[in-house]
Amino acid sequence: MNNNKSLKAVQASASPELTASEQQFLEEIKGLIQNGQRSALAAVNYAAVSTYWNIGKRIVEKELSGNDRAEYGKHIVEMLADGLTGDYGTNYSKRNLWYYRKLYEFFP
């Protein structure tokens, strides 16, 4: 953090003083960047939750078509985890797939 303050001090002394108009313009552009970043983050979060909810929905639907729901559900989750974690990482582990299933059950 101390290095960060030193860097800002060097940058401030190396750049010329901004007029009030230039400072206002700079702040406006910073605001646009920050709003864009927030919008992108919100869109990514929405897409992730939507994906997880839909995965949970499909697991439940698949379970309902099986005979022994508990055992069939366990098999489905294990099969999916084995098939997905290698390609997509630990977001699709057995544990997380059960969470996605619960997400769908809580918010059908």
Protein backbone atom coordinates (compact mmCIF):
# COMPACT_ATOMS: atom_id res chain seq x y z
CA MET A 1 0.00 0.00 0.00
CA ASN A 2 2.89 2.33 0.75
CA ASN A 3 4.32 1.68 -2.74
CA ASN A 4 0.92 2.49 -4.21
CA LYS A 5 0.94 5.91 -2.49
CA SER A 6 4.46 6.56 -3.72
CA LEU A 7 3.48 5.68 -7.28
CA LYS A 8 0.51 8.06 -7.16
CA ALA A 9 2.72 10.82 -5.81
CA VAL A 10 5.23 10.32 -8.64
CA GLN A 11 2.45 10.24 -11.24
CA ALA A 12 0.89 13.40 -9.82
CA SER A 13 4.18 15.28 -9.88
CA ALA A 14 5.07 14.05 -13.39
CA SER A 15 1.78 15.13 -14.99
CA PRO A 16 0.87 18.78 -15.44
CA GLU A 17 -1.83 20.32 -13.25
CA LEU A 18 -5.29 19.86 -14.71
CA THR A 19 -7.74 22.68 -15.17
CA ALA A 20 -11.12 22.37 -13.49
CA SER A 21 -12.68 21.58 -16.88
CA GLU A 22 -10.09 18.87 -17.62
CA GLN A 23 -10.51 17.37 -14.14
CA GLN A 24 -14.29 17.32 -14.58
CA PHE A 25 -13.92 15.63 -17.99
CA LEU A 26 -11.50 13.07 -16.53
CA GLU A 27 -13.94 12.26 -13.72
CA GLU A 28 -16.77 11.88 -16.23
CA ILE A 29 -14.74 9.36 -18.24
CA LYS A 30 -13.80 7.49 -15.05
CA GLY A 31 -17.51 7.32 -14.19
CA LEU A 32 -18.30 5.85 -17.61
CA ILE A 33 -15.61 3.21 -17.14
CA GLN A 34 -16.84 2.33 -13.64
CA ASN A 35 -20.47 2.10 -14.81
CA GLY A 36 -19.38 -0.16 -17.67
CA GLN A 37 -17.45 -2.38 -15.30
CA ARG A 38 -20.42 -2.64 -12.92
CA SER A 39 -22.76 -3.46 -15.82
CA ALA A 40 -20.41 -6.15 -17.11
CA LEU A 41 -20.10 -7.69 -13.65
CA ALA A 42 -23.88 -7.70 -13.18
CA ALA A 43 -24.34 -9.36 -16.58
CA VAL A 44 -21.74 -12.02 -15.78
CA ASN A 45 -23.34 -12.71 -12.39
CA TYR A 46 -26.79 -12.99 -13.98
CA ALA A 47 -25.49 -15.39 -16.64
CA ALA A 48 -23.74 -17.55 -14.02
CA VAL A 49 -26.78 -17.79 -11.74
CA SER A 50 -29.04 -18.48 -14.72
CA THR A 51 -26.71 -21.26 -15.89
CA TYR A 52 -26.56 -22.83 -12.42
CA TRP A 53 -30.35 -22.62 -12.02
CA ASN A 54 -30.90 -24.29 -15.40
CA ILE A 55 -28.42 -27.05 -14.54
CA GLY A 56 -30.30 -27.64 -11.29
CA LYS A 57 -33.59 -27.73 -13.19
CA ARG A 58 -32.29 -30.33 -15.64
CA ILE A 59 -30.93 -32.50 -12.81
CA VAL A 60 -34.31 -32.46 -11.06
CA GLU A 61 -36.15 -33.19 -14.31
CA LYS A 62 -33.82 -36.08 -15.07
CA GLU A 63 -34.27 -37.43 -11.53
CA LEU A 64 -38.03 -37.36 -11.88
CA SER A 65 -37.81 -39.64 -14.89
CA GLY A 66 -35.85 -42.25 -12.88
CA ASN A 67 -37.25 -45.05 -10.73
CA ASP A 68 -35.39 -44.70 -7.43
CA ARG A 69 -35.11 -40.94 -7.17
CA ALA A 70 -32.41 -40.80 -4.47
CA GLU A 71 -30.08 -43.33 -6.07
CA TYR A 72 -30.77 -42.08 -9.58
CA GLY A 73 -30.11 -38.48 -8.48
CA LYS A 74 -26.82 -39.51 -6.90
CA HIS A 75 -25.83 -41.29 -10.12
CA ILE A 76 -26.75 -38.27 -12.26
CA VAL A 77 -24.72 -35.86 -10.14
CA GLU A 78 -21.70 -38.16 -10.05
CA MET A 79 -21.86 -38.72 -13.81
CA LEU A 80 -22.15 -34.99 -14.51
CA ALA A 81 -19.34 -34.08 -12.12
CA ASP A 82 -17.04 -36.65 -13.70
CA GLY A 83 -17.89 -35.43 -17.18
CA LEU A 84 -17.78 -31.69 -16.49
CA THR A 85 -14.96 -30.97 -14.04
CA GLY A 86 -12.24 -31.95 -16.51
CA ASP A 87 -13.49 -29.47 -19.08
CA TYR A 88 -15.00 -26.72 -16.91
CA GLY A 89 -13.31 -26.95 -13.52
CA THR A 90 -14.50 -27.28 -9.96
CA ASN A 91 -17.60 -25.10 -10.46
CA TYR A 92 -19.14 -28.37 -11.64
CA SER A 93 -18.02 -30.64 -8.81
CA LYS A 94 -20.49 -33.01 -7.12
CA ARG A 95 -20.89 -30.59 -4.26
CA ASN A 96 -21.67 -27.63 -6.50
CA LEU A 97 -24.05 -29.64 -8.67
CA TRP A 98 -26.04 -30.48 -5.53
CA TYR A 99 -26.09 -26.75 -4.74
CA TYR A 100 -27.41 -26.00 -8.25
CA ARG A 101 -30.12 -28.58 -7.70
CA LYS A 102 -31.05 -26.94 -4.40
CA LEU A 103 -31.05 -23.51 -6.06
CA TYR A 104 -33.67 -24.73 -8.51
CA GLU A 105 -35.72 -26.34 -5.74
CA PHE A 106 -35.72 -23.15 -3.66
CA PHE A 107 -36.48 -20.91 -6.65
CA PRO A 108 -38.55 -22.97 -9.09
